């Protein structure tokens, strides 16, 4: 049983007005794990209810991007990522003749300070997160309990869960977050409509453990062969995944046989003599999202809120973006530093991101999932005429998709004022004699960054407000420049050029690394902070 500390056990006599936890999370996959750790490290009592008695031992997701790696590192598990993951060198889309139709080069150190794409074995990642959670005494995980009832009392929520023997318990919490996957009980409780793009195909998934080390370059390949569209991707050290699309007229039963898997794998020199077929199964991907992510004190995240085709590797990453966005807002609401209306910005901001990610995955899926030879030939000609090399920057943009709505500085209008909404990259800095990535050396949370000293530029009420939120107030200087004690040196020249390009001396950055807004003068900085405070308290 994965349990993090003793905590207070569920009390069948308690109700929503006397909660067992500040936040109750349903589901303990990677999304529930990350959310629980983010909240528990902020000091909140977190209770997780998970229907399965033991962790799932088979892989599902096979990669994460640099932004996700940055979030995982902030949980204190950055040192383990190299052990469970393998950076990808490129992502190549090839036609039946092996010519590149699309290609993305992937940097081993991207704009977030981490590899742009890391392939991994998901059970290994979950084990690392579980071990981190076990060191948090205010985080408790109840395994073997399936959520069966949920009542929102307005000031708190009561969840009923049932074990395999039919025993029932009731748990009270101030807030409930459903991280319980595609067949989410919590989503069904919220109700509401679901948008489904109707883009779905059946694929045979084959997870393979190689007996001897092999080098695959590029590590991730889509074979856009109309005779059998095929995916070949890394899934952590010593492991690889092949996926084969079901062809028209082919039955699921025929495809989902070990003999079929080995026959299809033979093309890639994968046989029973040099590999173990860890698992084979046929699955259908979906492109859908819930239209309502919050109702009262109940919220959704991860696959409970959205499902996407696998072609951008963004399913798990999108879920981790969900909980990074949600966790700091829940923290402020629980502390009384923000009004509950702040939580309405969570679905507003995340739905737009998710829809964009799903649309991109569907467009790429339409490139791959072609089984008609004439249509494939036309596709190939069009893509080859446009050039196969898409350059650097990763599958998911340079630093990540910007926010266009929500808690952002809008100046006197309604649209965000650039660079508000953009994702802050991460470089190395030197601070108080230590050199390393910004998050590790300076810390995470809200950041007020300035090419001039923000503490001097701010008036006392605004400085007190920001420090009360735990804001890191950082004066950034260039290498070799004279600076007052406490200044940070921009070793990789990431931050000062960014401020110069924005024509700003100050940037206020949210805990999820999105820039809230920029200011040029002390007066503008005061207005910026005041607007941020009013946005939290409205």
Protein backbone atom coordinates (compact mmCIF):
# COMPACT_ATOMS: atom_id res chain seq x y z
CA UNK A 1 0.00 0.00 0.00
CA UNK A 2 1.40 3.39 -1.03
CA UNK A 3 0.74 5.49 2.07
CA UNK A 4 2.30 8.82 2.91
CA UNK A 5 2.23 9.18 6.68
CA UNK A 6 -0.45 8.23 9.13
CA UNK A 7 -2.62 11.36 8.92
CA UNK A 8 -6.19 11.37 10.23
CA UNK A 9 -8.19 8.39 9.12
CA UNK A 10 -11.62 8.71 7.58
CA UNK A 11 -14.34 9.17 10.15
CA UNK A 12 -17.76 7.82 9.21
CA UNK A 13 -19.33 10.29 11.62
CA UNK A 14 -17.79 13.35 10.02
CA UNK A 15 -19.45 15.56 7.47
CA UNK A 16 -18.35 18.30 5.08
CA UNK A 17 -18.31 20.93 7.86
CA UNK A 18 -15.60 19.03 9.79
CA UNK A 19 -13.34 17.84 6.98
CA UNK A 20 -10.79 15.08 7.17
CA UNK A 21 -8.69 16.93 4.61
CA UNK A 22 -8.30 20.29 2.99
CA UNK A 23 -8.30 18.67 -0.43
CA UNK A 24 -9.51 15.20 -1.36
CA UNK A 25 -8.20 13.77 -4.63
CA UNK A 26 -9.88 10.89 -6.43
CA UNK A 27 -7.33 8.90 -8.43
CA UNK A 28 -3.62 8.31 -7.86
CA UNK A 29 -2.09 8.08 -11.30
CA UNK A 30 0.61 10.62 -12.24
CA UNK A 31 -1.85 13.53 -12.30
CA UNK A 32 -3.25 12.77 -8.84
CA UNK A 33 0.25 12.14 -7.55
CA UNK A 34 1.61 15.46 -8.80
CA UNK A 35 -1.38 17.41 -7.48
CA UNK A 36 -1.21 15.74 -4.08
CA UNK A 37 2.50 16.52 -3.72
CA UNK A 38 2.10 20.11 -4.91
CA UNK A 39 -0.58 20.72 -2.28
CA UNK A 40 1.02 18.75 0.55
CA UNK A 41 4.35 20.55 0.13
CA UNK A 42 2.42 23.79 0.62
CA UNK A 43 1.28 22.44 3.99
CA UNK A 44 -2.28 21.30 3.21
CA UNK A 45 -3.83 18.08 4.46
CA UNK A 46 -4.38 15.93 1.40
CA UNK A 47 -6.33 12.69 1.25
CA UNK A 48 -6.30 10.52 -1.87
CA UNK A 49 -8.82 7.79 -2.65
CA UNK A 50 -7.64 5.26 -5.25
CA UNK A 51 -9.77 2.36 -6.45
CA UNK A 52 -6.87 -0.02 -7.19
CA UNK A 53 -5.14 -1.72 -4.27
CA UNK A 54 -1.74 -1.71 -5.98
CA UNK A 55 -0.04 0.56 -8.51
CA UNK A 56 -0.66 -0.30 -12.15
CA UNK A 57 2.46 -2.08 -13.41
CA UNK A 58 2.03 -1.57 -17.17
CA UNK A 59 3.06 1.58 -19.06
CA UNK A 60 0.56 3.96 -20.60
CA UNK A 61 2.22 7.31 -21.33
CA UNK A 62 5.73 6.97 -22.75
CA UNK A 63 7.12 10.52 -22.69
CA UNK A 64 6.99 13.97 -21.16
CA UNK A 65 8.17 17.36 -22.37
CA UNK A 66 10.59 19.88 -20.89
CA UNK A 67 7.88 21.88 -19.16
CA UNK A 68 6.63 18.73 -17.43
CA UNK A 69 10.19 17.83 -16.43
CA UNK A 70 10.47 21.29 -14.87
CA UNK A 71 7.33 20.65 -12.83
CA UNK A 72 8.52 17.20 -11.75
CA UNK A 73 11.86 18.68 -10.69
CA UNK A 74 10.03 21.24 -8.54
CA UNK A 75 8.57 18.31 -6.57
CA UNK A 76 12.06 17.21 -5.59
CA UNK A 77 12.43 14.27 -8.00
CA UNK A 78 14.58 15.91 -10.66
CA UNK A 79 17.56 13.77 -9.74
CA UNK A 80 15.61 10.62 -10.63
CA UNK A 81 14.49 11.66 -14.10
CA UNK A 82 17.72 10.59 -15.81
CA UNK A 83 17.38 7.13 -14.22
CA UNK A 84 13.85 6.48 -15.47
CA UNK A 85 13.98 8.43 -18.72
CA UNK A 86 15.91 8.74 -21.96
CA UNK A 87 16.03 12.04 -23.88
CA UNK A 88 14.76 11.86 -27.46
CA UNK A 89 16.95 13.26 -30.23
CA UNK A 90 14.26 13.81 -32.87
CA UNK A 91 10.69 13.08 -33.90
CA UNK A 92 10.48 11.95 -37.53
CA UNK A 93 7.43 11.32 -39.71
CA UNK A 94 8.34 9.10 -42.68
CA UNK A 95 6.48 7.87 -45.70
CA UNK A 96 6.47 4.28 -46.97
CA UNK A 97 9.82 4.83 -48.74
CA UNK A 98 11.43 6.14 -45.57
CA UNK A 99 11.59 9.81 -46.63
CA UNK A 100 10.97 12.43 -43.93
CA UNK A 101 7.64 14.18 -44.31
CA UNK A 102 7.98 16.07 -41.04
CA UNK A 103 10.91 16.18 -38.66
CA UNK A 104 11.52 17.97 -35.37
CA UNK A 105 14.97 18.09 -33.80
CA UNK A 106 14.77 17.84 -30.00
CA UNK A 107 17.36 19.51 -27.83
CA UNK A 108 18.80 17.64 -24.87
CA UNK A 109 18.58 20.93 -22.98
CA UNK A 110 15.58 22.96 -24.01
CA UNK A 111 14.09 26.28 -23.01
CA UNK A 112 12.91 24.93 -19.66
CA UNK A 113 16.41 23.73 -18.78
CA UNK A 114 15.45 20.09 -19.35
CA UNK A 115 15.35 17.83 -22.42
CA UNK A 116 12.61 18.88 -24.80
CA UNK A 117 11.26 15.33 -24.80
CA UNK A 118 12.11 12.50 -22.41
CA UNK A 119 10.85 8.98 -23.05
CA UNK A 120 10.08 7.05 -19.90
CA UNK A 121 8.60 3.96 -18.29
CA UNK A 122 5.46 5.25 -16.56
CA UNK A 123 5.45 2.73 -13.68
CA UNK A 124 8.98 3.86 -12.83
CA UNK A 125 7.85 7.50 -12.77
CA UNK A 126 4.91 6.62 -10.54
CA UNK A 127 7.22 4.75 -8.15
CA UNK A 128 9.45 7.83 -7.87
CA UNK A 129 6.44 10.06 -7.17
CA UNK A 130 5.07 7.55 -4.66
CA UNK A 131 8.35 7.52 -2.77
CA UNK A 132 8.33 11.33 -2.68
CA UNK A 133 4.77 11.35 -1.38
CA UNK A 134 5.61 8.93 1.42
CA UNK A 135 7.91 11.56 2.93
CA UNK A 136 5.02 14.00 3.39
CA UNK A 137 3.24 13.38 6.72
CA UNK A 138 0.18 15.44 5.74
CA UNK A 139 -0.51 13.33 2.63
CA UNK A 140 -2.44 10.09 3.02
CA UNK A 141 -3.38 7.61 0.28
CA UNK A 142 -6.25 5.13 0.73
CA UNK A 143 -5.92 2.33 -1.84
CA UNK A 144 -8.64 -0.16 -2.67
CA UNK A 145 -11.51 2.31 -2.25
CA UNK A 146 -13.70 3.24 -5.20
CA UNK A 147 -15.58 6.55 -5.10
CA UNK A 148 -19.30 5.83 -5.15
CA UNK A 149 -20.97 8.95 -3.77
CA UNK A 150 -20.29 12.67 -3.65
CA UNK A 151 -22.23 15.46 -1.93
CA UNK A 152 -21.27 19.14 -2.16
CA UNK A 153 -22.61 20.88 0.92
CA UNK A 154 -21.61 24.36 -0.21
CA UNK A 155 -18.95 24.83 2.47
CA UNK A 156 -17.39 21.39 2.07
CA UNK A 157 -17.69 18.11 0.21
CA UNK A 158 -18.34 14.57 1.44
CA UNK A 159 -17.16 11.59 -0.56
CA UNK A 160 -18.37 8.02 -0.07
CA UNK A 161 -16.04 5.21 -1.10
CA UNK A 162 -16.48 1.44 -1.15
CA UNK A 163 -13.83 -1.26 -0.87
CA UNK A 164 -13.80 -4.65 -2.62
CA UNK A 165 -15.49 -6.31 0.36
CA UNK A 166 -18.39 -3.85 0.25
CA UNK A 167 -17.23 -1.79 3.21
CA UNK A 168 -18.03 1.90 3.01
CA UNK A 169 -16.42 5.01 4.39
CA UNK A 170 -17.13 8.70 4.24
CA UNK A 171 -14.46 11.37 3.92
CA UNK A 172 -14.96 15.11 4.26
CA UNK A 173 -12.89 17.77 2.54
CA UNK A 174 -13.02 21.44 1.65
CA UNK A 175 -12.44 20.64 -2.04
CA UNK A 176 -12.50 17.53 -4.23
CA UNK A 177 -10.50 17.09 -7.43
CA UNK A 178 -11.25 14.23 -9.81
CA UNK A 179 -8.04 12.83 -11.29
CA UNK A 180 -9.73 9.49 -11.90
CA UNK A 181 -9.12 9.01 -15.59
CA UNK A 182 -11.17 8.51 -18.72
CA UNK A 183 -14.03 6.73 -16.92
CA UNK A 184 -14.16 9.37 -14.21
CA UNK A 185 -16.75 9.02 -11.45
CA UNK A 186 -16.19 12.66 -10.51
CA UNK A 187 -16.87 13.85 -14.07
CA UNK A 188 -20.09 11.86 -14.13
CA UNK A 189 -21.06 13.55 -10.85
CA UNK A 190 -20.45 17.01 -12.30
CA UNK A 191 -22.42 16.10 -15.40
CA UNK A 192 -22.54 18.58 -18.23
CA UNK A 193 -21.84 18.12 -21.89
CA UNK A 194 -18.76 16.61 -23.47
CA UNK A 195 -17.27 17.71 -26.77
CA UNK A 196 -16.07 14.77 -28.87
CA UNK A 197 -14.39 15.43 -32.22
CA UNK A 198 -15.15 11.88 -33.34
CA UNK A 199 -11.57 11.17 -34.37
CA UNK A 200 -10.74 7.62 -33.25
CA UNK A 201 -8.88 4.59 -34.57
CA UNK A 202 -7.96 1.20 -33.13
CA UNK A 203 -4.27 0.45 -32.59
CA UNK A 204 -2.35 -2.60 -31.44
CA UNK A 205 0.03 -1.45 -28.72
CA UNK A 206 3.17 -3.56 -28.16
CA UNK A 207 5.46 -2.77 -25.23
CA UNK A 208 8.82 -4.47 -25.72
CA UNK A 209 11.78 -5.05 -23.40
CA UNK A 210 14.97 -5.48 -25.42
CA UNK A 211 17.43 -8.17 -24.36
CA UNK A 212 20.47 -6.22 -25.56
CA UNK A 213 21.09 -2.46 -25.78
CA UNK A 214 20.18 -0.97 -29.16
CA UNK A 215 20.48 2.55 -30.47
CA UNK A 216 17.46 3.99 -32.26
CA UNK A 217 18.00 7.30 -34.03
CA UNK A 218 15.77 9.11 -34.32
CA UNK A 219 14.28 7.70 -31.16
CA UNK A 220 10.69 8.50 -32.10
CA UNK A 221 9.33 7.71 -35.58
CA UNK A 222 5.91 7.71 -37.22
CA UNK A 223 5.82 5.41 -40.24
CA UNK A 224 3.15 6.95 -42.50
CA UNK A 225 2.81 3.81 -44.58
CA UNK A 226 -0.70 3.26 -45.95
CA UNK A 227 -0.05 -0.49 -45.89
CA UNK A 228 0.13 -0.25 -42.08
CA UNK A 229 0.51 3.10 -40.26
CA UNK A 230 2.96 2.42 -37.43
CA UNK A 231 4.36 4.26 -34.42
CA UNK A 232 7.79 3.45 -32.95
CA UNK A 233 8.85 5.37 -29.84
CA UNK A 234 11.15 5.03 -26.88
CA UNK A 235 9.62 4.22 -23.52
CA UNK A 236 12.56 4.55 -21.19
CA UNK A 237 15.95 2.84 -20.94
CA UNK A 238 15.90 -0.66 -22.48
CA UNK A 239 12.26 -0.38 -23.52
CA UNK A 240 10.45 0.53 -26.71
CA UNK A 241 6.87 0.72 -27.92
CA UNK A 242 5.49 -0.13 -31.35
CA UNK A 243 1.89 0.58 -32.28
CA UNK A 244 0.16 -0.75 -35.39
CA UNK A 245 -3.09 0.68 -36.72
CA UNK A 246 -5.99 -1.69 -37.39
CA UNK A 247 -6.66 -1.82 -41.11
CA UNK A 248 -10.10 -1.67 -42.74
CA UNK A 249 -11.68 -5.12 -42.68
CA UNK A 250 -9.32 -6.37 -39.96
CA UNK A 251 -10.99 -7.49 -36.73
CA UNK A 252 -9.84 -6.45 -33.29
CA UNK A 253 -9.63 -10.11 -32.27
CA UNK A 254 -7.38 -10.90 -35.23
CA UNK A 255 -5.11 -7.95 -34.48
CA UNK A 256 -4.90 -8.52 -30.73
CA UNK A 257 -2.92 -11.76 -30.82
CA UNK A 258 0.67 -12.35 -29.74
CA UNK A 259 1.31 -14.06 -33.07
CA UNK A 260 0.15 -10.94 -34.91
CA UNK A 261 2.31 -8.71 -32.70
CA UNK A 262 5.45 -10.75 -33.37
CA UNK A 263 4.73 -10.85 -37.11
CA UNK A 264 4.44 -7.06 -37.27
CA UNK A 265 7.47 -6.52 -35.03
CA UNK A 266 9.67 -8.71 -37.22
CA UNK A 267 9.96 -5.88 -39.74
CA UNK A 268 11.92 -3.98 -37.09
CA UNK A 269 14.19 -6.93 -36.21
CA UNK A 270 12.28 -7.56 -32.99
CA UNK A 271 11.77 -11.26 -32.36
CA UNK A 272 11.27 -13.62 -29.39
CA UNK A 273 15.01 -14.31 -29.56
CA UNK A 274 16.08 -10.70 -28.86
CA UNK A 275 13.13 -9.18 -27.02
CA UNK A 276 10.30 -9.83 -24.58
CA UNK A 277 6.79 -8.75 -25.49
CA UNK A 278 5.87 -7.20 -22.17
CA UNK A 279 2.30 -6.61 -23.23
CA UNK A 280 0.07 -6.31 -26.28
CA UNK A 281 -3.39 -4.80 -26.35
CA UNK A 282 -5.72 -3.01 -28.75
CA UNK A 283 -6.88 0.43 -27.70
CA UNK A 284 -8.87 3.27 -29.24
CA UNK A 285 -7.71 6.85 -28.75
CA UNK A 286 -10.22 9.68 -28.46
CA UNK A 287 -10.29 13.44 -29.01
CA UNK A 288 -12.69 14.88 -26.44
CA UNK A 289 -13.00 17.19 -23.47
CA UNK A 290 -15.52 17.98 -20.76
CA UNK A 291 -17.26 21.29 -21.22
CA UNK A 292 -17.50 21.83 -17.46
CA UNK A 293 -14.42 21.39 -15.26
CA UNK A 294 -15.75 22.90 -12.07
CA UNK A 295 -19.05 22.72 -10.27
CA UNK A 296 -19.06 24.24 -6.80
CA UNK A 297 -16.28 22.65 -4.77
CA UNK A 298 -15.67 19.81 -7.21
CA UNK A 299 -13.10 20.06 -10.01
CA UNK A 300 -11.60 17.87 -12.76
CA UNK A 301 -8.05 17.39 -14.05
CA UNK A 302 -6.17 15.13 -16.44
CA UNK A 303 -7.97 12.42 -18.40
CA UNK A 304 -11.08 13.04 -16.33
CA UNK A 305 -11.29 16.39 -18.13
CA UNK A 306 -9.82 15.62 -21.55
CA UNK A 307 -8.61 12.85 -23.85
CA UNK A 308 -6.36 13.31 -26.86
CA UNK A 309 -4.72 11.27 -29.61
CA UNK A 310 -1.14 10.28 -28.76
CA UNK A 311 0.66 11.91 -31.69
CA UNK A 312 2.01 14.92 -29.77
CA UNK A 313 2.79 13.04 -26.56
CA UNK A 314 0.76 15.60 -24.64
CA UNK A 315 -1.86 13.55 -22.77
CA UNK A 316 -0.04 13.25 -19.44
CA UNK A 317 1.74 16.58 -19.97
CA UNK A 318 -1.59 18.37 -20.36
CA UNK A 319 -2.84 16.79 -17.14
CA UNK A 320 0.24 17.95 -15.26
CA UNK A 321 -0.28 21.46 -16.65
CA UNK A 322 -3.83 21.22 -15.30
CA UNK A 323 -2.74 20.53 -11.74
CA UNK A 324 0.14 23.02 -11.82
CA UNK A 325 -2.41 25.68 -12.77
CA UNK A 326 -4.96 24.48 -10.23
CA UNK A 327 -2.66 23.84 -7.25
CA UNK A 328 -1.44 27.39 -6.68
CA UNK A 329 -4.94 28.77 -7.05
CA UNK A 330 -6.36 26.26 -4.56
CA UNK A 331 -3.50 27.14 -2.23
CA UNK A 332 -4.36 30.84 -2.29
CA UNK A 333 -8.08 30.17 -1.84
CA UNK A 334 -7.44 27.87 1.12
CA UNK A 335 -5.17 30.49 2.68
CA UNK A 336 -7.79 33.18 2.29
CA UNK A 337 -5.43 35.15 0.04
CA UNK A 338 -7.80 34.82 -2.93
CA UNK A 339 -11.52 34.55 -3.47
CA UNK A 340 -13.15 31.36 -4.73
CA UNK A 341 -13.82 33.08 -8.06
CA UNK A 342 -10.10 32.65 -8.80
CA UNK A 343 -10.84 28.97 -9.42
CA UNK A 344 -13.09 29.93 -12.34
CA UNK A 345 -9.95 31.01 -14.20
CA UNK A 346 -8.69 27.41 -14.04
CA UNK A 347 -11.08 25.94 -16.63
CA UNK A 348 -11.06 29.15 -18.67
CA UNK A 349 -7.30 28.99 -19.06
CA UNK A 350 -6.88 25.24 -19.41
CA UNK A 351 -9.75 24.42 -21.79
CA UNK A 352 -8.31 26.69 -24.46
CA UNK A 353 -4.88 25.05 -24.10
CA UNK A 354 -6.36 21.58 -24.21
CA UNK A 355 -8.49 22.29 -27.27
CA UNK A 356 -5.39 23.58 -29.07
CA UNK A 357 -3.39 20.49 -28.08
CA UNK A 358 -6.18 18.15 -29.18
CA UNK A 359 -6.63 19.97 -32.49
CA UNK A 360 -2.88 19.66 -33.16
CA UNK A 361 -2.91 15.95 -32.30
CA UNK A 362 -5.90 15.39 -34.60
CA UNK A 363 -4.20 17.22 -37.49
CA UNK A 364 -1.09 15.09 -37.06
CA UNK A 365 -3.22 11.98 -36.72
CA UNK A 366 -4.85 12.73 -40.06
CA UNK A 367 -1.37 12.76 -41.59
CA UNK A 368 -0.56 9.31 -40.19
CA UNK A 369 -3.88 7.44 -40.23
CA UNK A 370 -4.12 7.07 -44.01
CA UNK A 371 -4.63 3.62 -45.53
CA UNK A 372 -5.50 4.60 -49.11
CA UNK A 373 -2.41 4.54 -51.36
CA UNK A 374 -3.56 7.37 -53.65
CA UNK A 375 -4.42 9.63 -50.72
CA UNK A 376 -1.06 8.83 -49.11
CA UNK A 377 0.78 9.70 -52.33
CA UNK A 378 -0.97 13.07 -52.49
CA UNK A 379 -0.15 13.70 -48.83
CA UNK A 380 3.51 12.82 -49.39
CA UNK A 381 3.83 15.12 -52.38
CA UNK A 382 2.29 18.04 -50.50
CA UNK A 383 4.46 17.62 -47.40
CA UNK A 384 7.67 17.00 -49.33
CA UNK A 385 7.08 20.10 -51.43
CA UNK A 386 6.84 22.10 -48.22
CA UNK A 387 10.12 20.78 -46.81
CA UNK A 388 10.52 18.02 -44.28
CA UNK A 389 12.59 19.76 -41.62
CA UNK A 390 10.50 21.75 -39.12
CA UNK A 391 13.62 22.85 -37.22
CA UNK A 392 14.18 22.95 -33.50
CA UNK A 393 11.92 23.84 -30.63
CA UNK A 394 10.25 20.57 -29.71
CA UNK A 395 6.90 19.12 -30.60
CA UNK A 396 5.04 21.63 -28.48
CA UNK A 397 6.38 25.06 -29.37
CA UNK A 398 9.36 27.02 -28.15
CA UNK A 399 8.45 27.35 -24.47
CA UNK A 400 4.85 26.23 -24.38
CA UNK A 401 1.52 27.66 -25.51
CA UNK A 402 0.72 31.14 -24.15
CA UNK A 403 -2.39 31.96 -22.19
CA UNK A 404 -4.80 34.30 -23.95
CA UNK A 405 -7.39 34.66 -21.21
CA UNK A 406 -7.72 34.36 -17.44
CA UNK A 407 -5.62 35.93 -14.71
CA UNK A 408 -3.38 38.12 -16.88
CA UNK A 409 -2.50 41.80 -16.99
CA UNK A 410 -4.72 43.52 -19.53
CA UNK A 411 -3.72 47.14 -19.04
CA UNK A 412 -6.66 49.38 -19.88
CA UNK A 413 -8.16 46.97 -22.42
CA UNK A 414 -9.46 43.40 -22.29
CA UNK A 415 -6.67 41.53 -24.09
CA UNK A 416 -3.41 40.55 -22.38
CA UNK A 417 -0.57 43.01 -22.91
CA UNK A 418 2.48 41.13 -24.26
CA UNK A 419 4.40 39.34 -22.86
CA UNK A 420 1.54 38.57 -20.45
CA UNK A 421 0.45 34.96 -20.92
CA UNK A 422 3.77 33.75 -22.32
CA UNK A 423 5.66 30.95 -20.58
CA UNK A 424 8.83 32.05 -18.79
CA UNK A 425 11.79 29.97 -19.96
CA UNK A 426 14.38 28.75 -17.50
CA UNK A 427 18.12 29.24 -17.59
CA UNK A 428 21.00 28.91 -15.20
CA UNK A 429 21.67 31.69 -12.71
CA UNK A 430 24.24 32.34 -10.02
CA UNK A 431 22.80 33.41 -6.71
CA UNK A 432 24.57 33.66 -3.36
CA UNK A 433 27.52 31.66 -4.68
CA UNK A 434 25.44 28.82 -6.16
CA UNK A 435 25.04 28.23 -9.91
CA UNK A 436 22.18 26.17 -11.30
CA UNK A 437 18.75 26.29 -12.88
CA UNK A 438 16.65 29.22 -11.66
CA UNK A 439 13.98 27.08 -9.94
CA UNK A 440 16.60 25.14 -8.01
CA UNK A 441 18.75 28.10 -7.00
CA UNK A 442 16.17 30.84 -6.42
CA UNK A 443 13.05 28.74 -5.83
CA UNK A 444 9.57 28.30 -7.23
CA UNK A 445 6.35 30.17 -6.66
CA UNK A 446 5.44 33.69 -7.77
CA UNK A 447 8.47 35.59 -9.07
CA UNK A 448 9.00 39.31 -9.50
CA UNK A 449 12.01 39.71 -11.74
CA UNK A 450 13.73 42.98 -12.55
CA UNK A 451 16.71 44.35 -14.42
CA UNK A 452 16.53 46.95 -11.67
CA UNK A 453 16.00 45.98 -8.05
CA UNK A 454 12.23 45.36 -7.68
CA UNK A 455 12.40 45.70 -3.89
CA UNK A 456 13.62 49.26 -4.30
CA UNK A 457 11.14 50.11 -7.05
CA UNK A 458 8.10 48.85 -5.13
CA UNK A 459 6.22 50.79 -2.50
CA UNK A 460 5.88 49.13 0.88
CA UNK A 461 2.21 47.98 0.63
CA UNK A 462 2.84 46.22 -2.68
CA UNK A 463 6.08 44.65 -1.48
CA UNK A 464 4.38 43.40 1.68
CA UNK A 465 1.55 41.90 -0.36
CA UNK A 466 3.92 40.03 -2.67
CA UNK A 467 6.17 38.72 0.07
CA UNK A 468 3.06 37.56 1.91
CA UNK A 469 2.32 35.35 -1.10
CA UNK A 470 5.83 33.90 -0.94
CA UNK A 471 6.98 35.79 -4.02
CA UNK A 472 10.66 35.55 -4.99
CA UNK A 473 11.77 39.14 -5.58
CA UNK A 474 14.85 38.94 -7.80
CA UNK A 475 17.20 41.56 -9.15
CA UNK A 476 18.80 40.03 -12.27
CA UNK A 477 22.15 41.29 -13.53
CA UNK A 478 24.50 40.38 -16.37
CA UNK A 479 27.69 38.40 -15.95
CA UNK A 480 30.47 40.72 -14.78
CA UNK A 481 28.15 43.58 -13.79
CA UNK A 482 28.38 45.21 -10.39
CA UNK A 483 25.38 44.43 -8.27
CA UNK A 484 24.16 44.74 -4.73
CA UNK A 485 24.29 41.63 -2.51
CA UNK A 486 21.45 39.22 -3.21
CA UNK A 487 21.31 39.89 -6.95
CA UNK A 488 21.19 36.93 -9.32
CA UNK A 489 23.49 36.64 -12.33
CA UNK A 490 21.90 35.70 -15.67
CA UNK A 491 24.49 33.03 -16.53
CA UNK A 492 22.73 31.72 -19.66
CA UNK A 493 21.53 35.15 -20.78
CA UNK A 494 17.88 34.12 -20.70
CA UNK A 495 16.17 36.71 -18.52
CA UNK A 496 17.74 40.07 -19.35
CA UNK A 497 17.32 39.61 -23.15
CA UNK A 498 13.71 38.58 -22.56
CA UNK A 499 13.04 41.77 -20.59
CA UNK A 500 14.83 43.85 -23.21
CA UNK A 501 12.71 42.30 -25.99
CA UNK A 502 9.58 43.07 -23.96
CA UNK A 503 10.81 46.65 -23.36
CA UNK A 504 10.26 46.06 -19.68
CA UNK A 505 12.33 46.38 -16.53
CA UNK A 506 10.07 44.14 -14.44
CA UNK A 507 8.18 40.88 -15.02
CA UNK A 508 5.67 39.36 -12.60
CA UNK A 509 5.52 35.60 -13.13
CA UNK A 510 2.82 33.26 -11.81
CA UNK A 511 3.70 30.01 -9.98
CA UNK A 512 2.87 28.05 -13.15
CA UNK A 513 5.60 29.99 -15.02
CA UNK A 514 3.20 32.08 -17.08
CA UNK A 515 4.03 35.77 -17.12
CA UNK A 516 1.25 37.78 -15.46
CA UNK A 517 2.48 41.11 -16.81
CA UNK A 518 5.35 43.52 -17.42
CA UNK A 519 6.22 47.03 -16.25
CA UNK A 520 8.74 49.65 -17.35
CA UNK A 521 8.70 52.04 -14.39
CA UNK A 522 8.09 52.00 -10.65
CA UNK A 523 4.70 53.58 -11.22
CA UNK A 524 3.73 50.92 -13.76
CA UNK A 525 5.02 48.22 -11.40
CA UNK A 526 2.80 49.50 -8.59
CA UNK A 527 -0.22 49.43 -10.91
CA UNK A 528 0.72 45.94 -12.08
CA UNK A 529 0.91 44.54 -8.55
CA UNK A 530 -2.32 46.27 -7.54
CA UNK A 531 -4.09 44.75 -10.55
CA UNK A 532 -2.73 41.32 -9.63
CA UNK A 533 -4.03 41.68 -6.09
CA UNK A 534 -7.48 42.77 -7.25
CA UNK A 535 -7.54 39.82 -9.66
CA UNK A 536 -6.96 37.43 -6.77
CA UNK A 537 -9.54 38.97 -4.48
CA UNK A 538 -12.40 39.67 -6.89
